[in-house]
Amino acid sequence: MRIDILFFEGCPNHVPAVRQVRDVVGALGVDAEIREVEVKNPDDATRLHFFGSPTIQVDGKDVDPAAHARTDYSFSCRMYGRLGTPPREMLERALLAGAGH
């Protein structure tokens, strides 16, 4: 499994997102390659399906199922409700689905 953490430089939620992903991967015991991918401009945002910083993808799919049909890619900050990182349960579901559980 490949987990991409998409971010732009200076995003205050980038490091917490990386910590969260590493923590959940460890807790679930899934085998994953974790990559940090810097998004540098609006063209990158469109090409990488970036909904704002941070965007987390498992094997190319956004961890938020509600985002799968979206195309409003944006070079901006991303909020998950009132949080700057996805809820832990959302990340766990995405990782377990990616691992075939």
PDB file of N, CA and C in Angstrom:
ATOM      1  N   MET A   1       0.854  -1.171   0.000  1.00  0.00           N
ATOM      2  CA  MET A   1       0.000   0.000   0.000  1.00  0.00           C
ATOM      3  C   MET A   1       0.898   1.231   0.000  1.00  0.00           C
ATOM      4  N   ARG A   2       0.463   2.254  -0.750  1.00  0.00           N
ATOM      5  CA  ARG A   2       1.179   3.529  -0.784  1.00  0.00           C
ATOM      6  C   ARG A   2       0.286   4.606  -0.191  1.00  0.00           C
ATOM      7  N   ILE A   3       0.815   5.343   0.745  1.00  0.00           N
ATOM      8  CA  ILE A   3       0.094   6.455   1.350  1.00  0.00           C
ATOM      9  C   ILE A   3       0.838   7.728   0.990  1.00  0.00           C
ATOM     10  N   ASP A   4       0.135   8.624   0.305  1.00  0.00           N
ATOM     11  CA  ASP A   4       0.703   9.919  -0.052  1.00  0.00           C
ATOM     12  C   ASP A   4       0.091  10.987   0.835  1.00  0.00           C
ATOM     13  N   ILE A   5       0.947  11.782   1.442  1.00  0.00           N
ATOM     14  CA  ILE A   5       0.512  12.931   2.229  1.00  0.00           C
ATOM     15  C   ILE A   5       0.883  14.156   1.400  1.00  0.00           C
ATOM     16  N   LEU A   6      -0.125  14.738   0.766  1.00  0.00           N
ATOM     17  CA  LEU A   6       0.074  15.895  -0.100  1.00  0.00           C
ATOM     18  C   LEU A   6      -0.044  17.158   0.740  1.00  0.00           C
ATOM     19  N   PHE A   7       0.882  18.091   0.533  1.00  0.00           N
ATOM     20  CA  PHE A   7       0.911  19.307   1.343  1.00  0.00           C
ATOM     21  C   PHE A   7       1.567  20.429   0.557  1.00  0.00           C
ATOM     22  N   PHE A   8       1.403  21.653   1.032  1.00  0.00           N
ATOM     23  CA  PHE A   8       2.207  22.742   0.485  1.00  0.00           C
ATOM     24  C   PHE A   8       3.092  23.278   1.597  1.00  0.00           C
ATOM     25  N   GLU A   9       4.223  23.840   1.195  1.00  0.00           N
ATOM     26  CA  GLU A   9       5.199  24.357   2.152  1.00  0.00           C
ATOM     27  C   GLU A   9       4.550  25.376   3.076  1.00  0.00           C
ATOM     28  N   GLY A  10       4.809  25.223   4.365  1.00  0.00           N
ATOM     29  CA  GLY A  10       4.275  26.144   5.351  1.00  0.00           C
ATOM     30  C   GLY A  10       2.948  25.727   5.946  1.00  0.00           C
ATOM     31  N   CYS A  11       2.377  24.620   5.496  1.00  0.00           N
ATOM     32  CA  CYS A  11       1.097  24.155   6.032  1.00  0.00           C
ATOM     33  C   CYS A  11       1.283  23.751   7.493  1.00  0.00           C
ATOM     34  N   PRO A  12       0.521  24.343   8.405  1.00  0.00           N
ATOM     35  CA  PRO A  12       0.676  23.997   9.820  1.00  0.00           C
ATOM     36  C   PRO A  12       0.173  22.600  10.170  1.00  0.00           C
ATOM     37  N   ASN A  13      -0.597  21.991   9.283  1.00  0.00           N
ATOM     38  CA  ASN A  13      -1.148  20.660   9.565  1.00  0.00           C
ATOM     39  C   ASN A  13      -0.371  19.535   8.890  1.00  0.00           C
ATOM     40  N   HIS A  14       0.675  19.871   8.150  1.00  0.00           N
ATOM     41  CA  HIS A  14       1.476  18.867   7.454  1.00  0.00           C
ATOM     42  C   HIS A  14       2.134  17.906   8.449  1.00  0.00           C
ATOM     43  N   VAL A  15       2.890  18.421   9.397  1.00  0.00           N
ATOM     44  CA  VAL A  15       3.599  17.564  10.352  1.00  0.00           C
ATOM     45  C   VAL A  15       2.624  16.763  11.226  1.00  0.00           C
ATOM     46  N   PRO A  16       1.550  17.374  11.757  1.00  0.00           N
ATOM     47  CA  PRO A  16       0.580  16.558  12.502  1.00  0.00           C
ATOM     48  C   PRO A  16      -0.044  15.449  11.647  1.00  0.00           C
ATOM     49  N   ALA A  17      -0.268  15.706  10.371  1.00  0.00           N
ATOM     50  CA  ALA A  17      -0.831  14.677   9.486  1.00  0.00           C
ATOM     51  C   ALA A  17       0.148  13.525   9.312  1.00  0.00           C
ATOM     52  N   VAL A  18       1.426  13.843   9.136  1.00  0.00           N
ATOM     53  CA  VAL A  18       2.443  12.793   8.994  1.00  0.00           C
ATOM     54  C   VAL A  18       2.504  11.955  10.270  1.00  0.00           C
ATOM     55  N   ARG A  19       2.510  12.618  11.427  1.00  0.00           N
ATOM     56  CA  ARG A  19       2.530  11.893  12.702  1.00  0.00           C
ATOM     57  C   ARG A  19       1.312  10.980  12.830  1.00  0.00           C
ATOM     58  N   GLN A  20       0.150  11.515  12.467  1.00  0.00           N
ATOM     59  CA  GLN A  20      -1.087  10.747  12.573  1.00  0.00           C
ATOM     60  C   GLN A  20      -1.043   9.514  11.666  1.00  0.00           C
ATOM     61  N   VAL A  21      -0.616   9.695  10.428  1.00  0.00           N
ATOM     62  CA  VAL A  21      -0.531   8.571   9.488  1.00  0.00           C
ATOM     63  C   VAL A  21       0.427   7.513  10.023  1.00  0.00           C
ATOM     64  N   ARG A  22       1.605   7.919  10.459  1.00  0.00           N
ATOM     65  CA  ARG A  22       2.584   6.955  10.984  1.00  0.00           C
ATOM     66  C   ARG A  22       2.023   6.221  12.214  1.00  0.00           C
ATOM     67  N   ASP A  23       1.324   6.938  13.067  1.00  0.00           N
ATOM     68  CA  ASP A  23       0.742   6.336  14.263  1.00  0.00           C
ATOM     69  C   ASP A  23      -0.315   5.293  13.897  1.00  0.00           C
ATOM     70  N   VAL A  24      -1.202   5.640  12.962  1.00  0.00           N
ATOM     71  CA  VAL A  24      -2.271   4.711  12.573  1.00  0.00           C
ATOM     72  C   VAL A  24      -1.691   3.505  11.834  1.00  0.00           C
ATOM     73  N   VAL A  25      -0.724   3.720  10.969  1.00  0.00           N
ATOM     74  CA  VAL A  25      -0.073   2.606  10.268  1.00  0.00           C
ATOM     75  C   VAL A  25       0.536   1.649  11.290  1.00  0.00           C
ATOM     76  N   GLY A  26       1.234   2.198  12.283  1.00  0.00           N
ATOM     77  CA  GLY A  26       1.840   1.364  13.312  1.00  0.00           C
ATOM     78  C   GLY A  26       0.812   0.631  14.150  1.00  0.00           C
ATOM     79  N   ALA A  27      -0.252   1.334  14.536  1.00  0.00           N
ATOM     80  CA  ALA A  27      -1.286   0.728  15.377  1.00  0.00           C
ATOM     81  C   ALA A  27      -2.011  -0.401  14.653  1.00  0.00           C
ATOM     82  N   LEU A  28      -2.228  -0.220  13.350  1.00  0.00           N
ATOM     83  CA  LEU A  28      -2.942  -1.246  12.580  1.00  0.00           C
ATOM     84  C   LEU A  28      -2.013  -2.348  12.081  1.00  0.00           C
ATOM     85  N   GLY A  29      -0.715  -2.078  12.081  1.00  0.00           N
ATOM     86  CA  GLY A  29       0.241  -3.072  11.611  1.00  0.00           C
ATOM     87  C   GLY A  29       0.172  -3.330  10.121  1.00  0.00           C
ATOM     88  N   VAL A  30      -0.223  -2.314   9.350  1.00  0.00           N
ATOM     89  CA  VAL A  30      -0.290  -2.491   7.897  1.00  0.00           C
ATOM     90  C   VAL A  30       1.067  -2.185   7.272  1.00  0.00           C
ATOM     91  N   ASP A  31       1.345  -2.841   6.161  1.00  0.00           N
ATOM     92  CA  ASP A  31       2.583  -2.618   5.422  1.00  0.00           C
ATOM     93  C   ASP A  31       2.329  -1.491   4.435  1.00  0.00           C
ATOM     94  N   ALA A  32       3.011  -0.377   4.621  1.00  0.00           N
ATOM     95  CA  ALA A  32       2.740   0.786   3.769  1.00  0.00           C
ATOM     96  C   ALA A  32       4.002   1.589   3.510  1.00  0.00           C
ATOM     97  N   GLU A  33       4.084   2.104   2.308  1.00  0.00           N
ATOM     98  CA  GLU A  33       5.097   3.092   1.955  1.00  0.00           C
ATOM     99  C   GLU A  33       4.441   4.458   2.155  1.00  0.00           C
ATOM    100  N   ILE A  34       5.022   5.293   3.001  1.00  0.00           N
ATOM    101  CA  ILE A  34       4.476   6.613   3.282  1.00  0.00           C
ATOM    102  C   ILE A  34       5.345   7.644   2.570  1.00  0.00           C
ATOM    103  N   ARG A  35       4.696   8.427   1.717  1.00  0.00           N
ATOM    104  CA  ARG A  35       5.425   9.460   0.969  1.00  0.00           C
ATOM    105  C   ARG A  35       4.842  10.826   1.284  1.00  0.00           C
ATOM    106  N   GLU A  36       5.717  11.802   1.428  1.00  0.00           N
ATOM    107  CA  GLU A  36       5.297  13.196   1.573  1.00  0.00           C
ATOM    108  C   GLU A  36       5.516  13.858   0.221  1.00  0.00           C
ATOM    109  N   VAL A  37       4.450  14.427  -0.331  1.00  0.00           N
ATOM    110  CA  VAL A  37       4.491  14.987  -1.678  1.00  0.00           C
ATOM    111  C   VAL A  37       4.146  16.466  -1.600  1.00  0.00           C
ATOM    112  N   GLU A  38       5.119  17.308  -1.937  1.00  0.00           N
ATOM    113  CA  GLU A  38       4.868  18.744  -1.916  1.00  0.00           C
ATOM    114  C   GLU A  38       4.136  19.175  -3.179  1.00  0.00           C
ATOM    115  N   VAL A  39       3.053  19.895  -2.993  1.00  0.00           N
ATOM    116  CA  VAL A  39       2.279  20.468  -4.088  1.00  0.00           C
ATOM    117  C   VAL A  39       2.728  21.921  -4.207  1.00  0.00           C
ATOM    118  N   LYS A  40       3.211  22.298  -5.383  1.00  0.00           N
ATOM    119  CA  LYS A  40       3.861  23.609  -5.515  1.00  0.00           C
ATOM    120  C   LYS A  40       3.024  24.673  -6.189  1.00  0.00           C
ATOM    121  N   ASN A  41       1.949  24.277  -6.884  1.00  0.00           N
ATOM    122  CA  ASN A  41       1.163  25.272  -7.610  1.00  0.00           C
ATOM    123  C   ASN A  41      -0.202  24.690  -7.985  1.00  0.00           C
ATOM    124  N   PRO A  42      -1.093  25.516  -8.510  1.00  0.00           N
ATOM    125  CA  PRO A  42      -2.430  25.028  -8.884  1.00  0.00           C
ATOM    126  C   PRO A  42      -2.408  23.909  -9.930  1.00  0.00           C
ATOM    127  N   ASP A  43      -1.438  23.926 -10.833  1.00  0.00           N
ATOM    128  CA  ASP A  43      -1.354  22.842 -11.823  1.00  0.00           C
ATOM    129  C   ASP A  43      -1.062  21.503 -11.135  1.00  0.00           C
ATOM    130  N   ASP A  44      -0.146  21.531 -10.156  1.00  0.00           N
ATOM    131  CA  ASP A  44       0.122  20.324  -9.370  1.00  0.00           C
ATOM    132  C   ASP A  44      -1.145  19.871  -8.651  1.00  0.00           C
ATOM    133  N   ALA A  45      -1.891  20.834  -8.098  1.00  0.00           N
ATOM    134  CA  ALA A  45      -3.118  20.509  -7.361  1.00  0.00           C
ATOM    135  C   ALA A  45      -4.078  19.707  -8.240  1.00  0.00           C
ATOM    136  N   THR A  46      -4.266  20.142  -9.456  1.00  0.00           N
ATOM    137  CA  THR A  46      -5.160  19.433 -10.370  1.00  0.00           C
ATOM    138  C   THR A  46      -4.598  18.069 -10.742  1.00  0.00           C
ATOM    139  N   ARG A  47      -3.342  18.021 -11.102  1.00  0.00           N
ATOM    140  CA  ARG A  47      -2.709  16.766 -11.522  1.00  0.00           C
ATOM    141  C   ARG A  47      -2.713  15.714 -10.416  1.00  0.00           C
ATOM    142  N   LEU A  48      -2.545  16.152  -9.170  1.00  0.00           N
ATOM    143  CA  LEU A  48      -2.437  15.227  -8.044  1.00  0.00           C
ATOM    144  C   LEU A  48      -3.754  14.996  -7.295  1.00  0.00           C
ATOM    145  N   HIS A  49      -4.841  15.632  -7.784  1.00  0.00           N
ATOM    146  CA  HIS A  49      -6.156  15.519  -7.123  1.00  0.00           C
ATOM    147  C   HIS A  49      -6.070  15.994  -5.673  1.00  0.00           C
ATOM    148  N   PHE A  50      -5.582  17.207  -5.535  1.00  0.00           N
ATOM    149  CA  PHE A  50      -5.295  17.838  -4.244  1.00  0.00           C
ATOM    150  C   PHE A  50      -6.455  18.731  -3.848  1.00  0.00           C
ATOM    151  N   PHE A  51      -7.074  18.414  -2.712  1.00  0.00           N
ATOM    152  CA  PHE A  51      -8.210  19.191  -2.223  1.00  0.00           C
ATOM    153  C   PHE A  51      -7.789  20.172  -1.142  1.00  0.00           C
ATOM    154  N   GLY A  52      -6.516  20.427  -1.034  1.00  0.00           N
ATOM    155  CA  GLY A  52      -5.984  21.330  -0.030  1.00  0.00           C
ATOM    156  C   GLY A  52      -5.034  20.590   0.891  1.00  0.00           C
ATOM    157  N   SER A  53      -4.260  21.362   1.625  1.00  0.00           N
ATOM    158  CA  SER A  53      -3.220  20.808   2.478  1.00  0.00           C
ATOM    159  C   SER A  53      -3.712  20.634   3.908  1.00  0.00           C
ATOM    160  N   PRO A  54      -3.554  19.420   4.442  1.00  0.00           N
ATOM    161  CA  PRO A  54      -3.017  18.200   3.838  1.00  0.00           C
ATOM    162  C   PRO A  54      -4.118  17.337   3.211  1.00  0.00           C
ATOM    163  N   THR A  55      -3.786  16.692   2.116  1.00  0.00           N
ATOM    164  CA  THR A  55      -4.642  15.684   1.496  1.00  0.00           C
ATOM    165  C   THR A  55      -3.925  14.353   1.649  1.00  0.00           C
ATOM    166  N   ILE A  56      -4.630  13.354   2.117  1.00  0.00           N
ATOM    167  CA  ILE A  56      -4.028  12.038   2.315  1.00  0.00           C
ATOM    168  C   ILE A  56      -4.730  11.056   1.380  1.00  0.00           C
ATOM    169  N   GLN A  57      -3.907  10.337   0.614  1.00  0.00           N
ATOM    170  CA  GLN A  57      -4.424   9.363  -0.343  1.00  0.00           C
ATOM    171  C   GLN A  57      -3.831   7.989  -0.053  1.00  0.00           C
ATOM    172  N   VAL A  58      -4.659   6.967  -0.167  1.00  0.00           N
ATOM    173  CA  VAL A  58      -4.220   5.578  -0.039  1.00  0.00           C
ATOM    174  C   VAL A  58      -4.352   4.948  -1.417  1.00  0.00           C
ATOM    175  N   ASP A  59      -3.209   4.567  -1.981  1.00  0.00           N
ATOM    176  CA  ASP A  59      -3.177   4.014  -3.342  1.00  0.00           C
ATOM    177  C   ASP A  59      -3.936   4.909  -4.317  1.00  0.00           C
ATOM    178  N   GLY A  60      -3.730   6.225  -4.177  1.00  0.00           N
ATOM    179  CA  GLY A  60      -4.304   7.195  -5.100  1.00  0.00           C
ATOM    180  C   GLY A  60      -5.716   7.640  -4.784  1.00  0.00           C
ATOM    181  N   LYS A  61      -6.355   7.076  -3.756  1.00  0.00           N
ATOM    182  CA  LYS A  61      -7.725   7.450  -3.400  1.00  0.00           C
ATOM    183  C   LYS A  61      -7.727   8.269  -2.118  1.00  0.00           C
ATOM    184  N   ASP A  62      -8.456   9.365  -2.132  1.00  0.00           N
ATOM    185  CA  ASP A  62      -8.576  10.207  -0.958  1.00  0.00           C
ATOM    186  C   ASP A  62      -9.151   9.410   0.213  1.00  0.00           C
ATOM    187  N   VAL A  63      -8.664   9.684   1.430  1.00  0.00           N
ATOM    188  CA  VAL A  63      -9.171   8.959   2.601  1.00  0.00           C
ATOM    189  C   VAL A  63     -10.612   9.322   2.935  1.00  0.00           C
ATOM    190  N   ASP A  64     -11.085  10.448   2.411  1.00  0.00           N
ATOM    191  CA  ASP A  64     -12.466  10.869   2.656  1.00  0.00           C
ATOM    192  C   ASP A  64     -13.340  10.366   1.509  1.00  0.00           C
ATOM    193  N   PRO A  65     -14.204   9.384   1.756  1.00  0.00           N
ATOM    194  CA  PRO A  65     -15.046   8.860   0.679  1.00  0.00           C
ATOM    195  C   PRO A  65     -15.888   9.941  -0.003  1.00  0.00           C
ATOM    196  N   ALA A  66     -16.249  10.988   0.705  1.00  0.00           N
ATOM    197  CA  ALA A  66     -17.040  12.068   0.115  1.00  0.00           C
ATOM    198  C   ALA A  66     -16.270  12.815  -0.965  1.00  0.00           C
ATOM    199  N   ALA A  67     -14.957  12.679  -0.982  1.00  0.00           N
ATOM    200  CA  ALA A  67     -14.137  13.390  -1.967  1.00  0.00           C
ATOM    201  C   ALA A  67     -13.972  12.617  -3.278  1.00  0.00           C
ATOM    202  N   HIS A  68     -14.356  11.355  -3.308  1.00  0.00           N
ATOM    203  CA  HIS A  68     -14.088  10.528  -4.486  1.00  0.00           C
ATOM    204  C   HIS A  68     -14.748  11.042  -5.761  1.00  0.00           C
ATOM    205  N   ALA A  69     -15.887  11.686  -5.662  1.00  0.00           N
ATOM    206  CA  ALA A  69     -16.571  12.193  -6.852  1.00  0.00           C
ATOM    207  C   ALA A  69     -16.268  13.671  -7.115  1.00  0.00           C
ATOM    208  N   ARG A  70     -15.472  14.283  -6.263  1.00  0.00           N
ATOM    209  CA  ARG A  70     -15.188  15.717  -6.401  1.00  0.00           C
ATOM    210  C   ARG A  70     -14.109  15.972  -7.449  1.00  0.00           C
ATOM    211  N   THR A  71     -14.154  17.163  -8.028  1.00  0.00           N
ATOM    212  CA  THR A  71     -13.112  17.599  -8.961  1.00  0.00           C
ATOM    213  C   THR A  71     -12.703  19.044  -8.696  1.00  0.00           C
ATOM    214  N   ASP A  72     -13.067  19.569  -7.529  1.00  0.00           N
ATOM    215  CA  ASP A  72     -12.751  20.959  -7.201  1.00  0.00           C
ATOM    216  C   ASP A  72     -11.386  21.060  -6.515  1.00  0.00           C
ATOM    217  N   TYR A  73     -10.356  20.655  -7.256  1.00  0.00           N
ATOM    218  CA  TYR A  73      -8.998  20.654  -6.720  1.00  0.00           C
ATOM    219  C   TYR A  73      -8.588  22.085  -6.401  1.00  0.00           C
ATOM    220  N   SER A  74      -7.781  22.210  -5.335  1.00  0.00           N
ATOM    221  CA  SER A  74      -7.519  23.557  -4.837  1.00  0.00           C
ATOM    222  C   SER A  74      -6.155  23.650  -4.180  1.00  0.00           C
ATOM    223  N   PHE A  75      -5.441  24.708  -4.490  1.00  0.00           N
ATOM    224  CA  PHE A  75      -4.167  25.010  -3.841  1.00  0.00           C
ATOM    225  C   PHE A  75      -4.494  25.869  -2.628  1.00  0.00           C
ATOM    226  N   SER A  76      -4.915  25.210  -1.542  1.00  0.00           N
ATOM    227  CA  SER A  76      -5.417  25.925  -0.367  1.00  0.00           C
ATOM    228  C   SER A  76      -5.232  25.044   0.870  1.00  0.00           C
ATOM    229  N   CYS A  77      -5.671  25.552   2.014  1.00  0.00           N
ATOM    230  CA  CYS A  77      -5.721  24.749   3.236  1.00  0.00           C
ATOM    231  C   CYS A  77      -6.930  23.828   3.160  1.00  0.00           C
ATOM    232  N   ARG A  78      -6.844  22.702   3.832  1.00  0.00           N
ATOM    233  CA  ARG A  78      -7.966  21.758   3.873  1.00  0.00           C
ATOM    234  C   ARG A  78      -8.384  21.534   5.312  1.00  0.00           C
ATOM    235  N   MET A  79      -9.662  21.526   5.505  1.00  0.00           N
ATOM    236  CA  MET A  79     -10.218  21.224   6.817  1.00  0.00           C
ATOM    237  C   MET A  79     -11.079  19.964   6.705  1.00  0.00           C
ATOM    238  N   TYR A  80     -11.043  19.186   7.741  1.00  0.00           N
ATOM    239  CA  TYR A  80     -11.868  17.984   7.857  1.00  0.00           C
ATOM    240  C   TYR A  80     -12.857  18.278   8.980  1.00  0.00           C
ATOM    241  N   GLY A  81     -13.975  18.879   8.613  1.00  0.00           N
ATOM    242  CA  GLY A  81     -14.887  19.387   9.635  1.00  0.00           C
ATOM    243  C   GLY A  81     -14.218  20.569  10.313  1.00  0.00           C
ATOM    244  N   ARG A  82     -13.965  20.438  11.599  1.00  0.00           N
ATOM    245  CA  ARG A  82     -13.305  21.515  12.340  1.00  0.00           C
ATOM    246  C   ARG A  82     -11.828  21.231  12.579  1.00  0.00           C
ATOM    247  N   LEU A  83     -11.324  20.140  11.993  1.00  0.00           N
ATOM    248  CA  LEU A  83      -9.945  19.715  12.205  1.00  0.00           C
ATOM    249  C   LEU A  83      -9.089  19.946  10.970  1.00  0.00           C
ATOM    250  N   GLY A  84      -7.798  20.117  11.197  1.00  0.00           N
ATOM    251  CA  GLY A  84      -6.858  20.286  10.093  1.00  0.00           C
ATOM    252  C   GLY A  84      -6.280  18.974   9.600  1.00  0.00           C
ATOM    253  N   THR A  85      -6.650  17.872  10.243  1.00  0.00           N
ATOM    254  CA  THR A  85      -6.262  16.531   9.803  1.00  0.00           C
ATOM    255  C   THR A  85      -7.524  15.668   9.825  1.00  0.00           C
ATOM    256  N   PRO A  86      -7.543  14.599   9.046  1.00  0.00           N
ATOM    257  CA  PRO A  86      -8.759  13.778   9.026  1.00  0.00           C
ATOM    258  C   PRO A  86      -8.999  13.113  10.380  1.00  0.00           C
ATOM    259  N   PRO A  87     -10.252  12.848  10.714  1.00  0.00           N
ATOM    260  CA  PRO A  87     -10.523  12.097  11.936  1.00  0.00           C
ATOM    261  C   PRO A  87      -9.805  10.745  11.881  1.00  0.00           C
ATOM    262  N   ARG A  88      -9.289  10.308  13.001  1.00  0.00           N
ATOM    263  CA  ARG A  88      -8.544   9.042  13.061  1.00  0.00           C
ATOM    264  C   ARG A  88      -9.354   7.885  12.476  1.00  0.00           C
ATOM    265  N   GLU A  89     -10.658   7.857  12.770  1.00  0.00           N
ATOM    266  CA  GLU A  89     -11.498   6.761  12.280  1.00  0.00           C
ATOM    267  C   GLU A  89     -11.556   6.738  10.754  1.00  0.00           C
ATOM    268  N   MET A  90     -11.579   7.905  10.129  1.00  0.00           N
ATOM    269  CA  MET A  90     -11.604   7.985   8.658  1.00  0.00           C
ATOM    270  C   MET A  90     -10.306   7.400   8.099  1.00  0.00           C
ATOM    271  N   LEU A  91      -9.201   7.761   8.700  1.00  0.00           N
ATOM    272  CA  LEU A  91      -7.906   7.261   8.253  1.00  0.00           C
ATOM    273  C   LEU A  91      -7.805   5.747   8.470  1.00  0.00           C
ATOM    274  N   GLU A  92      -8.258   5.266   9.618  1.00  0.00           N
ATOM    275  CA  GLU A  92      -8.238   3.823   9.880  1.00  0.00           C
ATOM    276  C   GLU A  92      -9.062   3.051   8.851  1.00  0.00           C
ATOM    277  N   ARG A  93     -10.269   3.544   8.549  1.00  0.00           N
ATOM    278  CA  ARG A  93     -11.124   2.871   7.541  1.00  0.00           C
ATOM    279  C   ARG A  93     -10.430   2.816   6.188  1.00  0.00           C
ATOM    280  N   ALA A  94      -9.829   3.925   5.776  1.00  0.00           N
ATOM    281  CA  ALA A  94      -9.167   3.977   4.469  1.00  0.00           C
ATOM    282  C   ALA A  94      -7.987   3.008   4.424  1.00  0.00           C
ATOM    283  N   LEU A  95      -7.213   2.936   5.504  1.00  0.00           N
ATOM    284  CA  LEU A  95      -6.063   2.040   5.522  1.00  0.00           C
ATOM    285  C   LEU A  95      -6.483   0.575   5.543  1.00  0.00           C
ATOM    286  N   LEU A  96      -7.513   0.265   6.323  1.00  0.00           N
ATOM    287  CA  LEU A  96      -7.989  -1.120   6.365  1.00  0.00           C
ATOM    288  C   LEU A  96      -8.576  -1.529   5.019  1.00  0.00           C
ATOM    289  N   ALA A  97      -9.298  -0.612   4.360  1.00  0.00           N
ATOM    290  CA  ALA A  97      -9.836  -0.913   3.030  1.00  0.00           C
ATOM    291  C   ALA A  97      -8.689  -1.136   2.045  1.00  0.00           C
ATOM    292  N   GLY A  98      -7.653  -0.304   2.131  1.00  0.00           N
ATOM    293  CA  GLY A  98      -6.503  -0.448   1.244  1.00  0.00           C
ATOM    294  C   GLY A  98      -5.737  -1.740   1.483  1.00  0.00           C
ATOM    295  N   ALA A  99      -5.785  -2.227   2.721  1.00  0.00           N
ATOM    296  CA  ALA A  99      -5.101  -3.466   3.061  1.00  0.00           C
ATOM    297  C   ALA A  99      -5.971  -4.692   2.794  1.00  0.00           C
ATOM    298  N   GLY A 100      -7.199  -4.457   2.327  1.00  0.00           N
ATOM    299  CA  GLY A 100      -8.092  -5.559   2.004  1.00  0.00           C
ATOM    300  C   GLY A 100      -8.809  -6.155   3.194  1.00  0.00           C
ATOM    301  N   HIS A 101      -8.969  -5.391   4.263  1.00  0.00           N
ATOM    302  CA  HIS A 101      -9.678  -5.883   5.460  1.00  0.00           C
ATOM    303  C   HIS A 101     -11.108  -5.428   5.466  1.00  0.00           C
TER     304      HIS A 101
END
